[in-house]
Amino acid sequence: MKNIFKTAVMAIAMVMISLGSSAQARKGDVYLGGNLAVGVSKSVQNPGIGAKLTYNVTDHLRLAGSSTWFMPMEYGKGNPKAKLGMWDYFSADVHWLIPVWKGNFNRALSIYPLVGGGAMNFTQEVKASCDKSSATDFGFNAGGGMDWTVSSCVILNGEAKYLLRGKRDRIVLSLGVMFKL
């Protein structure tokens, strides 16, 4: 697993160094949007809805802040079942935009690796005993995504990131749309 990660990081670094062309996004651009997400872990898979705000520091470097609420789910075998709620309070990520294709009418395709960190809240409730517990975990994010610039003001976005949160690690897959402010 470590060898695969090292190989991927080296490949991404080589691509970033070799690129000389400009991405569609421009320094100073700010985008706000929403997304639909699915959080996947060993024991729980649940859909969510989120919001994202991005700021382009340079043509290739972007800062992103996001928050995602995941639908509560029942889990466990037999009775009583437990209910688990999750809220990704805040994730702050850095994206390195790599232009892949640029077409007519401001259309473009970019991919990006991402790294960052954030906080996630977990709430567990057991119905039969009325027990309720809550915990907030802090950790790191790593992953990547793709932007398809539809027009000068609209970007369609897909992203996959791994949230490293100790015992509650999970993968979050999302699809969304962002609008230029």
N, C-alpha and C. Protein backbone atom coordinates (compact mmCIF):
# COMPACT_ATOMS: atom_id res chain seq x y z
N MET A 1 0.82 -1.19 0.00
CA MET A 1 0.00 0.00 0.00
C MET A 1 0.87 1.26 0.00
N LYS A 2 1.95 1.25 0.79
CA LYS A 2 2.83 2.41 0.84
C LYS A 2 3.51 2.64 -0.49
N ASN A 3 3.88 1.54 -1.18
CA ASN A 3 4.53 1.67 -2.49
C ASN A 3 3.59 2.29 -3.51
N ILE A 4 2.32 1.91 -3.48
CA ILE A 4 1.34 2.48 -4.40
C ILE A 4 1.19 3.98 -4.14
N PHE A 5 1.09 4.35 -2.86
CA PHE A 5 0.96 5.76 -2.50
C PHE A 5 2.18 6.56 -2.95
N LYS A 6 3.38 6.04 -2.71
CA LYS A 6 4.60 6.73 -3.13
C LYS A 6 4.66 6.89 -4.64
N THR A 7 4.28 5.84 -5.37
CA THR A 7 4.27 5.89 -6.83
C THR A 7 3.29 6.94 -7.32
N ALA A 8 2.10 6.99 -6.72
CA ALA A 8 1.09 7.97 -7.12
C ALA A 8 1.57 9.40 -6.85
N VAL A 9 2.18 9.63 -5.70
CA VAL A 9 2.68 10.96 -5.37
C VAL A 9 3.77 11.37 -6.35
N MET A 10 4.67 10.47 -6.68
CA MET A 10 5.74 10.77 -7.63
C MET A 10 5.17 11.08 -9.02
N ALA A 11 4.18 10.30 -9.46
CA ALA A 11 3.56 10.54 -10.77
C ALA A 11 2.89 11.90 -10.82
N ILE A 12 2.17 12.25 -9.77
CA ILE A 12 1.50 13.55 -9.70
C ILE A 12 2.52 14.67 -9.72
N ALA A 13 3.61 14.51 -8.97
CA ALA A 13 4.66 15.54 -8.94
C ALA A 13 5.28 15.73 -10.32
N MET A 14 5.52 14.64 -11.03
CA MET A 14 6.11 14.74 -12.37
C MET A 14 5.17 15.44 -13.34
N VAL A 15 3.88 15.13 -13.25
CA VAL A 15 2.91 15.78 -14.13
C VAL A 15 2.86 17.27 -13.84
N MET A 16 2.85 17.66 -12.55
CA MET A 16 2.79 19.08 -12.19
C MET A 16 4.01 19.83 -12.70
N ILE A 17 5.18 19.22 -12.60
CA ILE A 17 6.40 19.87 -13.05
C ILE A 17 6.41 20.02 -14.57
N SER A 18 5.91 19.02 -15.28
CA SER A 18 5.98 19.03 -16.73
C SER A 18 4.94 19.93 -17.39
N LEU A 19 3.93 20.34 -16.66
CA LEU A 19 2.88 21.16 -17.27
C LEU A 19 3.29 22.62 -17.35
N GLY A 20 3.11 23.20 -18.51
CA GLY A 20 3.43 24.61 -18.66
C GLY A 20 2.23 25.43 -19.06
N SER A 21 1.16 24.78 -19.46
CA SER A 21 -0.02 25.51 -19.91
C SER A 21 -0.86 25.97 -18.73
N SER A 22 -1.72 26.91 -18.98
CA SER A 22 -2.53 27.51 -17.93
C SER A 22 -3.85 26.77 -17.77
N ALA A 23 -4.31 26.63 -16.55
CA ALA A 23 -5.62 26.04 -16.29
C ALA A 23 -6.70 27.06 -16.62
N GLN A 24 -7.95 26.62 -16.76
CA GLN A 24 -9.05 27.52 -17.05
C GLN A 24 -9.30 28.48 -15.89
N ALA A 25 -9.13 28.00 -14.68
CA ALA A 25 -9.34 28.85 -13.51
C ALA A 25 -8.25 29.92 -13.46
N ARG A 26 -8.62 31.07 -12.98
CA ARG A 26 -7.69 32.19 -12.93
C ARG A 26 -7.48 32.66 -11.49
N LYS A 27 -6.32 33.25 -11.26
CA LYS A 27 -5.99 33.79 -9.95
C LYS A 27 -7.09 34.76 -9.51
N GLY A 28 -7.54 34.60 -8.27
CA GLY A 28 -8.56 35.48 -7.72
C GLY A 28 -9.99 35.00 -7.92
N ASP A 29 -10.22 33.95 -8.73
CA ASP A 29 -11.57 33.43 -8.93
C ASP A 29 -12.12 32.82 -7.64
N VAL A 30 -13.39 33.10 -7.36
CA VAL A 30 -14.07 32.54 -6.20
C VAL A 30 -15.32 31.82 -6.71
N TYR A 31 -15.50 30.58 -6.26
CA TYR A 31 -16.66 29.78 -6.65
C TYR A 31 -17.38 29.28 -5.41
N LEU A 32 -18.71 29.20 -5.49
CA LEU A 32 -19.54 28.67 -4.43
C LEU A 32 -20.47 27.64 -5.05
N GLY A 33 -20.63 26.50 -4.39
CA GLY A 33 -21.50 25.48 -4.97
C GLY A 33 -21.97 24.45 -3.97
N GLY A 34 -22.71 23.49 -4.48
CA GLY A 34 -23.24 22.41 -3.67
C GLY A 34 -22.90 21.08 -4.30
N ASN A 35 -23.04 20.02 -3.49
CA ASN A 35 -22.77 18.69 -4.02
C ASN A 35 -23.59 17.62 -3.32
N LEU A 36 -23.70 16.50 -3.99
CA LEU A 36 -24.27 15.30 -3.41
C LEU A 36 -23.11 14.36 -3.14
N ALA A 37 -23.12 13.70 -1.99
CA ALA A 37 -21.98 12.88 -1.60
C ALA A 37 -22.43 11.53 -1.08
N VAL A 38 -21.50 10.58 -1.07
CA VAL A 38 -21.70 9.28 -0.45
C VAL A 38 -20.48 9.01 0.42
N GLY A 39 -20.70 8.75 1.69
CA GLY A 39 -19.62 8.40 2.60
C GLY A 39 -19.57 6.90 2.77
N VAL A 40 -18.39 6.32 2.63
CA VAL A 40 -18.23 4.87 2.68
C VAL A 40 -17.15 4.52 3.70
N SER A 41 -17.50 3.63 4.62
CA SER A 41 -16.52 3.10 5.57
C SER A 41 -16.76 1.59 5.67
N LYS A 42 -16.05 0.93 6.57
CA LYS A 42 -16.19 -0.53 6.70
C LYS A 42 -17.61 -0.95 7.04
N SER A 43 -18.28 -0.19 7.91
CA SER A 43 -19.59 -0.62 8.38
C SER A 43 -20.76 0.25 7.94
N VAL A 44 -20.48 1.46 7.45
CA VAL A 44 -21.58 2.39 7.14
C VAL A 44 -21.37 3.04 5.78
N GLN A 45 -22.42 3.06 4.97
CA GLN A 45 -22.46 3.81 3.72
C GLN A 45 -23.70 4.68 3.77
N ASN A 46 -23.50 6.01 3.70
CA ASN A 46 -24.67 6.87 3.75
C ASN A 46 -24.50 8.09 2.85
N PRO A 47 -25.62 8.51 2.24
CA PRO A 47 -25.59 9.68 1.35
C PRO A 47 -25.56 10.98 2.15
N GLY A 48 -25.10 12.02 1.48
CA GLY A 48 -25.04 13.32 2.13
C GLY A 48 -25.20 14.45 1.14
N ILE A 49 -25.30 15.66 1.68
CA ILE A 49 -25.42 16.86 0.87
C ILE A 49 -24.45 17.89 1.45
N GLY A 50 -23.79 18.64 0.56
CA GLY A 50 -22.77 19.54 1.06
C GLY A 50 -22.67 20.84 0.30
N ALA A 51 -21.78 21.70 0.79
CA ALA A 51 -21.50 23.00 0.18
C ALA A 51 -19.99 23.17 0.10
N LYS A 52 -19.55 23.93 -0.91
CA LYS A 52 -18.11 24.14 -1.10
C LYS A 52 -17.85 25.57 -1.55
N LEU A 53 -16.79 26.16 -1.01
CA LEU A 53 -16.34 27.49 -1.40
C LEU A 53 -14.87 27.36 -1.79
N THR A 54 -14.51 27.88 -2.98
CA THR A 54 -13.12 27.79 -3.44
C THR A 54 -12.58 29.16 -3.79
N TYR A 55 -11.27 29.30 -3.63
CA TYR A 55 -10.57 30.53 -3.98
C TYR A 55 -9.27 30.16 -4.68
N ASN A 56 -9.05 30.71 -5.88
CA ASN A 56 -7.84 30.43 -6.63
C ASN A 56 -6.74 31.40 -6.22
N VAL A 57 -5.73 30.88 -5.53
CA VAL A 57 -4.60 31.69 -5.10
C VAL A 57 -3.74 32.04 -6.31
N THR A 58 -3.53 31.06 -7.20
CA THR A 58 -2.85 31.26 -8.47
C THR A 58 -3.67 30.53 -9.54
N ASP A 59 -3.18 30.51 -10.78
CA ASP A 59 -3.89 29.78 -11.82
C ASP A 59 -3.94 28.27 -11.55
N HIS A 60 -2.98 27.76 -10.78
CA HIS A 60 -2.91 26.32 -10.52
C HIS A 60 -3.22 25.93 -9.08
N LEU A 61 -3.12 26.84 -8.13
CA LEU A 61 -3.29 26.54 -6.72
C LEU A 61 -4.62 27.08 -6.21
N ARG A 62 -5.44 26.20 -5.63
CA ARG A 62 -6.77 26.58 -5.16
C ARG A 62 -6.96 26.13 -3.71
N LEU A 63 -7.57 26.99 -2.92
CA LEU A 63 -7.97 26.65 -1.55
C LEU A 63 -9.46 26.33 -1.57
N ALA A 64 -9.85 25.29 -0.84
CA ALA A 64 -11.26 24.89 -0.82
C ALA A 64 -11.71 24.62 0.61
N GLY A 65 -12.87 25.15 0.95
CA GLY A 65 -13.51 24.86 2.23
C GLY A 65 -14.84 24.19 1.94
N SER A 66 -15.13 23.11 2.65
CA SER A 66 -16.39 22.40 2.40
C SER A 66 -16.98 21.88 3.69
N SER A 67 -18.27 21.61 3.64
CA SER A 67 -19.00 21.03 4.76
C SER A 67 -20.04 20.08 4.19
N THR A 68 -20.18 18.90 4.80
CA THR A 68 -21.13 17.89 4.30
C THR A 68 -21.91 17.29 5.45
N TRP A 69 -23.22 17.22 5.29
CA TRP A 69 -24.09 16.55 6.26
C TRP A 69 -24.49 15.21 5.67
N PHE A 70 -24.27 14.14 6.45
CA PHE A 70 -24.63 12.79 6.00
C PHE A 70 -25.91 12.34 6.69
N MET A 71 -26.80 11.71 5.94
CA MET A 71 -28.07 11.25 6.49
C MET A 71 -27.84 10.23 7.59
N PRO A 72 -28.59 10.32 8.70
CA PRO A 72 -28.47 9.32 9.77
C PRO A 72 -28.85 7.94 9.26
N MET A 73 -28.19 6.92 9.78
CA MET A 73 -28.46 5.55 9.34
C MET A 73 -28.59 4.64 10.54
N GLU A 74 -29.43 3.64 10.40
CA GLU A 74 -29.52 2.61 11.43
C GLU A 74 -28.54 1.51 11.06
N TYR A 75 -27.89 0.95 12.07
CA TYR A 75 -26.97 -0.13 11.81
C TYR A 75 -26.98 -1.08 12.99
N GLY A 76 -26.38 -2.23 12.79
CA GLY A 76 -26.32 -3.25 13.83
C GLY A 76 -27.29 -4.37 13.52
N LYS A 77 -27.10 -5.49 14.21
CA LYS A 77 -27.95 -6.66 13.97
C LYS A 77 -28.91 -6.83 15.14
N GLY A 78 -30.10 -7.29 14.83
CA GLY A 78 -31.09 -7.55 15.87
C GLY A 78 -31.63 -6.28 16.49
N ASN A 79 -32.20 -6.43 17.68
CA ASN A 79 -32.73 -5.29 18.41
C ASN A 79 -31.91 -5.09 19.67
N PRO A 80 -31.62 -3.97 20.13
CA PRO A 80 -31.95 -2.69 19.53
C PRO A 80 -30.91 -2.27 18.49
N LYS A 81 -31.38 -1.57 17.50
CA LYS A 81 -30.46 -1.03 16.49
C LYS A 81 -30.00 0.35 16.94
N ALA A 82 -28.83 0.71 16.47
CA ALA A 82 -28.29 2.03 16.79
C ALA A 82 -28.45 2.94 15.58
N LYS A 83 -28.54 4.22 15.85
CA LYS A 83 -28.66 5.22 14.80
C LYS A 83 -27.39 6.05 14.82
N LEU A 84 -26.76 6.20 13.64
CA LEU A 84 -25.51 6.94 13.54
C LEU A 84 -25.70 8.14 12.63
N GLY A 85 -25.37 9.31 13.15
CA GLY A 85 -25.42 10.54 12.36
C GLY A 85 -24.02 11.10 12.20
N MET A 86 -23.73 11.68 11.03
CA MET A 86 -22.39 12.23 10.78
C MET A 86 -22.50 13.59 10.14
N TRP A 87 -21.58 14.46 10.52
CA TRP A 87 -21.51 15.80 9.97
C TRP A 87 -20.05 16.14 9.80
N ASP A 88 -19.63 16.32 8.56
CA ASP A 88 -18.27 16.77 8.29
C ASP A 88 -18.31 18.28 8.48
N TYR A 89 -18.03 18.73 9.72
CA TYR A 89 -18.14 20.14 10.06
C TYR A 89 -17.44 21.03 9.05
N PHE A 90 -16.17 20.74 8.86
CA PHE A 90 -15.40 21.59 7.96
C PHE A 90 -14.18 20.84 7.47
N SER A 91 -13.95 20.92 6.18
CA SER A 91 -12.72 20.42 5.57
C SER A 91 -12.07 21.58 4.85
N ALA A 92 -10.79 21.76 5.08
CA ALA A 92 -10.01 22.77 4.37
C ALA A 92 -8.95 22.04 3.56
N ASP A 93 -9.02 22.19 2.24
CA ASP A 93 -8.13 21.46 1.35
C ASP A 93 -7.38 22.40 0.42
N VAL A 94 -6.27 21.92 -0.10
CA VAL A 94 -5.50 22.60 -1.12
C VAL A 94 -5.54 21.74 -2.38
N HIS A 95 -5.90 22.34 -3.51
CA HIS A 95 -5.98 21.64 -4.80
C HIS A 95 -4.88 22.18 -5.71
N TRP A 96 -4.20 21.29 -6.43
CA TRP A 96 -3.25 21.70 -7.47
C TRP A 96 -3.91 21.38 -8.80
N LEU A 97 -4.38 22.41 -9.53
CA LEU A 97 -5.12 22.22 -10.78
C LEU A 97 -4.19 21.88 -11.93
N ILE A 98 -4.49 20.79 -12.59
CA ILE A 98 -3.69 20.32 -13.73
C ILE A 98 -4.60 20.34 -14.97
N PRO A 99 -4.37 21.25 -15.91
CA PRO A 99 -5.22 21.30 -17.11
C PRO A 99 -5.00 20.06 -17.98
N VAL A 100 -6.11 19.48 -18.43
CA VAL A 100 -6.05 18.29 -19.27
C VAL A 100 -6.51 18.62 -20.70
N TRP A 101 -7.55 19.47 -20.80
CA TRP A 101 -8.13 19.79 -22.10
C TRP A 101 -8.73 21.18 -22.04
N LYS A 102 -8.58 21.93 -23.12
CA LYS A 102 -9.22 23.24 -23.23
C LYS A 102 -9.91 23.31 -24.58
N GLY A 103 -11.20 23.61 -24.57
CA GLY A 103 -11.99 23.65 -25.80
C GLY A 103 -12.52 25.04 -26.09
N ASN A 104 -13.45 25.09 -27.01
CA ASN A 104 -14.09 26.36 -27.38
C ASN A 104 -15.08 26.81 -26.31
N PHE A 105 -15.42 28.08 -26.33
CA PHE A 105 -16.46 28.67 -25.47
C PHE A 105 -16.16 28.48 -23.99
N ASN A 106 -14.90 28.67 -23.60
CA ASN A 106 -14.47 28.61 -22.20
C ASN A 106 -14.62 27.24 -21.56
N ARG A 107 -14.80 26.20 -22.36
CA ARG A 107 -14.91 24.85 -21.79
C ARG A 107 -13.50 24.30 -21.54
N ALA A 108 -13.34 23.59 -20.42
CA ALA A 108 -12.04 23.02 -20.08
C ALA A 108 -12.22 21.86 -19.10
N LEU A 109 -11.22 21.01 -19.05
CA LEU A 109 -11.21 19.89 -18.12
C LEU A 109 -9.90 19.94 -17.34
N SER A 110 -10.00 19.89 -16.02
CA SER A 110 -8.82 19.88 -15.15
C SER A 110 -8.97 18.76 -14.13
N ILE A 111 -7.84 18.20 -13.74
CA ILE A 111 -7.82 17.24 -12.64
C ILE A 111 -6.97 17.84 -11.53
N TYR A 112 -7.12 17.32 -10.32
CA TYR A 112 -6.31 17.85 -9.21
C TYR A 112 -6.14 16.84 -8.10
N PRO A 113 -4.93 16.80 -7.53
CA PRO A 113 -4.75 16.10 -6.26
C PRO A 113 -5.14 17.07 -5.15
N LEU A 114 -5.51 16.53 -3.99
CA LEU A 114 -5.86 17.40 -2.87
C LEU A 114 -5.29 16.86 -1.57
N VAL A 115 -4.94 17.76 -0.69
CA VAL A 115 -4.55 17.43 0.67
C VAL A 115 -5.16 18.49 1.59
N GLY A 116 -5.39 18.11 2.83
CA GLY A 116 -5.97 19.07 3.76
C GLY A 116 -6.28 18.42 5.09
N GLY A 117 -7.20 19.02 5.80
CA GLY A 117 -7.60 18.51 7.10
C GLY A 117 -9.00 18.97 7.43
N GLY A 118 -9.51 18.48 8.55
CA GLY A 118 -10.86 18.88 8.93
C GLY A 118 -11.33 18.22 10.21
N ALA A 119 -12.58 18.49 10.53
CA ALA A 119 -13.22 17.96 11.73
C ALA A 119 -14.55 17.32 11.34
N MET A 120 -14.84 16.16 11.93
CA MET A 120 -16.09 15.46 11.67
C MET A 120 -16.74 15.07 12.99
N ASN A 121 -18.04 15.27 13.09
CA ASN A 121 -18.80 14.93 14.29
C ASN A 121 -19.59 13.66 14.04
N PHE A 122 -19.59 12.76 15.03
CA PHE A 122 -20.35 11.51 14.97
C PHE A 122 -21.30 11.49 16.16
N THR A 123 -22.56 11.16 15.90
CA THR A 123 -23.55 11.03 16.97
C THR A 123 -24.16 9.65 16.87
N GLN A 124 -24.15 8.91 17.99
CA GLN A 124 -24.71 7.57 18.02
C GLN A 124 -25.81 7.52 19.06
N GLU A 125 -26.95 6.92 18.67
CA GLU A 125 -28.10 6.83 19.57
C GLU A 125 -28.64 5.41 19.54
N VAL A 126 -28.77 4.80 20.72
CA VAL A 126 -29.37 3.46 20.83
C VAL A 126 -30.79 3.66 21.33
N LYS A 127 -31.77 3.26 20.49
CA LYS A 127 -33.18 3.55 20.77
C LYS A 127 -33.68 2.91 22.06
N ALA A 128 -33.36 1.65 22.30
CA ALA A 128 -33.93 0.93 23.44
C ALA A 128 -33.48 1.52 24.77
N SER A 129 -32.23 1.95 24.87
CA SER A 129 -31.73 2.45 26.14
C SER A 129 -31.70 3.97 26.23
N CYS A 130 -32.09 4.64 25.16
CA CYS A 130 -32.08 6.11 25.10
C CYS A 130 -30.69 6.68 25.33
N ASP A 131 -29.67 5.87 25.09
CA ASP A 131 -28.29 6.36 25.20
C ASP A 131 -27.92 7.15 23.96
N LYS A 132 -27.24 8.26 24.18
CA LYS A 132 -26.78 9.08 23.06
C LYS A 132 -25.37 9.54 23.36
N SER A 133 -24.49 9.35 22.38
CA SER A 133 -23.12 9.80 22.56
C SER A 133 -22.68 10.56 21.32
N SER A 134 -21.71 11.42 21.51
CA SER A 134 -21.23 12.24 20.41
C SER A 134 -19.72 12.39 20.53
N ALA A 135 -19.04 12.45 19.39
CA ALA A 135 -17.59 12.64 19.38
C ALA A 135 -17.21 13.45 18.15
N THR A 136 -16.18 14.26 18.29
CA THR A 136 -15.64 15.01 17.16
C THR A 136 -14.21 14.55 16.92
N ASP A 137 -13.94 14.15 15.69
CA ASP A 137 -12.61 13.67 15.32
C ASP A 137 -11.97 14.66 14.36
N PHE A 138 -10.70 14.93 14.56
CA PHE A 138 -9.91 15.78 13.68
C PHE A 138 -8.96 14.90 12.90
N GLY A 139 -8.65 15.28 11.68
CA GLY A 139 -7.73 14.45 10.90
C GLY A 139 -7.35 15.08 9.58
N PHE A 140 -6.80 14.24 8.71
CA PHE A 140 -6.28 14.67 7.42
C PHE A 140 -7.16 14.19 6.28
N ASN A 141 -7.11 14.91 5.16
CA ASN A 141 -7.80 14.53 3.93
C ASN A 141 -6.76 14.33 2.83
N ALA A 142 -6.98 13.35 1.97
CA ALA A 142 -6.13 13.13 0.80
C ALA A 142 -7.00 12.56 -0.30
N GLY A 143 -6.79 13.00 -1.53
CA GLY A 143 -7.59 12.47 -2.63
C GLY A 143 -7.34 13.23 -3.90
N GLY A 144 -8.41 13.32 -4.71
CA GLY A 144 -8.30 14.02 -5.98
C GLY A 144 -9.67 14.31 -6.55
N GLY A 145 -9.67 15.08 -7.62
CA GLY A 145 -10.94 15.44 -8.23
C GLY A 145 -10.77 15.88 -9.66
N MET A 146 -11.90 16.26 -10.24
CA MET A 146 -11.94 16.68 -11.64
C MET A 146 -12.94 17.82 -11.77
N ASP A 147 -12.56 18.86 -12.50
CA ASP A 147 -13.44 19.98 -12.81
C ASP A 147 -13.69 20.02 -14.29
N TRP A 148 -14.95 20.16 -14.67
CA TRP A 148 -15.28 20.39 -16.07
C TRP A 148 -15.91 21.77 -16.14
N THR A 149 -15.19 22.72 -16.73
CA THR A 149 -15.69 24.09 -16.86
C THR A 149 -16.68 24.11 -18.02
N VAL A 150 -17.95 24.31 -17.69
CA VAL A 150 -19.02 24.31 -18.68
C VAL A 150 -19.12 25.67 -19.37
N SER A 151 -18.93 26.74 -18.59
CA SER A 151 -18.93 28.10 -19.12
C SER A 151 -17.99 28.93 -18.25
N SER A 152 -17.90 30.20 -18.52
CA SER A 152 -17.01 31.05 -17.72
C SER A 152 -17.51 31.20 -16.28
N CYS A 153 -18.74 30.79 -16.00
CA CYS A 153 -19.31 30.97 -14.66
C CYS A 153 -19.72 29.67 -13.96
N VAL A 154 -19.65 28.52 -14.65
CA VAL A 154 -20.17 27.27 -14.08
C VAL A 154 -19.13 26.15 -14.23
N ILE A 155 -18.91 25.42 -13.13
CA ILE A 155 -18.01 24.27 -13.12
C ILE A 155 -18.75 23.08 -12.55
N LEU A 156 -18.70 21.95 -13.26
CA LEU A 156 -19.18 20.67 -12.73
C LEU A 156 -17.98 20.00 -12.09
N ASN A 157 -18.19 19.35 -10.93
CA ASN A 157 -17.08 18.85 -10.15
C ASN A 157 -17.34 17.45 -9.64
N GLY A 158 -16.32 16.61 -9.68
CA GLY A 158 -16.36 15.28 -9.07
C GLY A 158 -15.13 15.14 -8.19
N GLU A 159 -15.31 14.52 -7.03
CA GLU A 159 -14.18 14.44 -6.10
C GLU A 159 -14.25 13.15 -5.29
N ALA A 160 -13.09 12.60 -5.00
CA ALA A 160 -12.97 11.44 -4.11
C ALA A 160 -11.88 11.78 -3.11
N LYS A 161 -12.22 11.68 -1.83
CA LYS A 161 -11.18 11.94 -0.83
C LYS A 161 -11.32 10.98 0.34
N TYR A 162 -10.17 10.66 0.88
CA TYR A 162 -10.08 9.77 2.02
C TYR A 162 -9.93 10.62 3.27
N LEU A 163 -10.85 10.47 4.20
CA LEU A 163 -10.82 11.22 5.46
C LEU A 163 -10.17 10.33 6.51
N LEU A 164 -8.99 10.68 6.94
CA LEU A 164 -8.27 9.91 7.96
C LEU A 164 -8.69 10.46 9.32
N ARG A 165 -9.55 9.72 10.01
CA ARG A 165 -10.10 10.18 11.28
C ARG A 165 -9.94 9.11 12.37
N GLY A 166 -8.81 8.48 12.44
CA GLY A 166 -8.58 7.46 13.48
C GLY A 166 -9.42 6.23 13.22
N LYS A 167 -10.26 5.86 14.18
CA LYS A 167 -11.10 4.66 14.05
C LYS A 167 -12.24 4.87 13.07
N ARG A 168 -12.50 6.11 12.68
CA ARG A 168 -13.65 6.41 11.82
C ARG A 168 -13.21 6.90 10.43
N ASP A 169 -12.14 6.32 9.89
CA ASP A 169 -11.71 6.67 8.53
C ASP A 169 -12.81 6.35 7.54
N ARG A 170 -12.91 7.16 6.49
CA ARG A 170 -13.90 6.88 5.45
C ARG A 170 -13.53 7.56 4.15
N ILE A 171 -14.13 7.06 3.08
CA ILE A 171 -13.97 7.64 1.75
C ILE A 171 -15.25 8.41 1.44
N VAL A 172 -15.08 9.61 0.91
CA VAL A 172 -16.24 10.41 0.50
C VAL A 172 -16.15 10.68 -0.99
N LEU A 173 -17.19 10.27 -1.73
CA LEU A 173 -17.30 10.52 -3.17
C LEU A 173 -18.38 11.57 -3.37
N SER A 174 -18.09 12.59 -4.18
CA SER A 174 -19.09 13.65 -4.37
C SER A 174 -19.14 14.13 -5.81
N LEU A 175 -20.31 14.58 -6.20
CA LEU A 175 -20.55 15.22 -7.50
C LEU A 175 -21.27 16.53 -7.22
N GLY A 176 -20.82 17.62 -7.87
CA GLY A 176 -21.45 18.89 -7.58
C GLY A 176 -21.31 19.90 -8.69
N VAL A 177 -21.85 21.07 -8.43
CA VAL A 177 -21.79 22.19 -9.37
C VAL A 177 -21.37 23.43 -8.58
N MET A 178 -20.50 24.26 -9.18
CA MET A 178 -20.03 25.49 -8.54
C MET A 178 -20.27 26.66 -9.47
N PHE A 179 -20.61 27.81 -8.88
CA PHE A 179 -20.89 29.02 -9.64
C PHE A 179 -19.90 30.11 -9.25
N LYS A 180 -19.42 30.85 -10.24
CA LYS A 180 -18.46 31.92 -9.99
C LYS A 180 -19.18 33.09 -9.32
N LEU A 181 -18.56 33.61 -8.27
CA LEU A 181 -19.13 34.77 -7.58
C LEU A 181 -18.58 36.05 -8.16
